[in-house]
């Protein structure tokens, strides 16, 4: 996924108050980084 699209998705999720999902996604993304 494009970083821009990812950022927009995170913003949209955060705006809806889905912080648990946002945090989980960030953790998953961080795990994928070398």
C-alpha atoms as a PDB file:
ATOM      1  CA  UNK A   1       0.000   0.000   0.000  1.00  0.00           C
ATOM      2  CA  UNK A   2       1.129   3.556  -0.700  1.00  0.00           C
ATOM      3  CA  UNK A   3       2.328   5.459   2.354  1.00  0.00           C
ATOM      4  CA  UNK A   4      -0.051   8.332   1.524  1.00  0.00           C
ATOM      5  CA  UNK A   5      -3.040   5.989   1.383  1.00  0.00           C
ATOM      6  CA  UNK A   6      -1.884   4.350   4.601  1.00  0.00           C
ATOM      7  CA  UNK A   7      -1.686   7.729   6.332  1.00  0.00           C
ATOM      8  CA  UNK A   8      -5.170   8.673   5.147  1.00  0.00           C
ATOM      9  CA  UNK A   9      -6.531   5.356   6.364  1.00  0.00           C
ATOM     10  CA  UNK A  10      -4.905   5.799   9.773  1.00  0.00           C
ATOM     11  CA  UNK A  11      -6.320   9.336   9.999  1.00  0.00           C
ATOM     12  CA  UNK A  12      -9.794   8.102   9.062  1.00  0.00           C
ATOM     13  CA  UNK A  13      -9.645   5.295  11.625  1.00  0.00           C
ATOM     14  CA  UNK A  14      -8.334   7.650  14.303  1.00  0.00           C
ATOM     15  CA  UNK A  15     -11.112  10.117  13.500  1.00  0.00           C
ATOM     16  CA  UNK A  16     -13.660   7.366  14.119  1.00  0.00           C
ATOM     17  CA  UNK A  17     -11.984   6.646  17.442  1.00  0.00           C
ATOM     18  CA  UNK A  18     -10.589   3.249  16.432  1.00  0.00           C
ATOM     19  CA  UNK A  19      -7.312   3.796  18.261  1.00  0.00           C
ATOM     20  CA  UNK A  20      -6.879   0.131  19.122  1.00  0.00           C
ATOM     21  CA  UNK A  21      -6.974  -0.741  15.422  1.00  0.00           C
ATOM     22  CA  UNK A  22      -4.618   2.141  14.612  1.00  0.00           C
ATOM     23  CA  UNK A  23      -2.118   1.037  17.246  1.00  0.00           C
ATOM     24  CA  UNK A  24      -2.310  -2.579  16.075  1.00  0.00           C
ATOM     25  CA  UNK A  25      -1.688  -1.498  12.471  1.00  0.00           C
ATOM     26  CA  UNK A  26       1.290   0.629  13.497  1.00  0.00           C
ATOM     27  CA  UNK A  27       2.744  -2.313  15.415  1.00  0.00           C
ATOM     28  CA  UNK A  28       2.228  -4.587  12.400  1.00  0.00           C
ATOM     29  CA  UNK A  29       3.869  -2.023  10.100  1.00  0.00           C
ATOM     30  CA  UNK A  30       6.788  -1.584  12.490  1.00  0.00           C
ATOM     31  CA  UNK A  31       7.289  -5.350  12.546  1.00  0.00           C
ATOM     32  CA  UNK A  32       7.496  -5.420   8.726  1.00  0.00           C
ATOM     33  CA  UNK A  33      10.332  -2.844   8.689  1.00  0.00           C
ATOM     34  CA  UNK A  34      13.836  -4.350   8.601  1.00  0.00           C
END
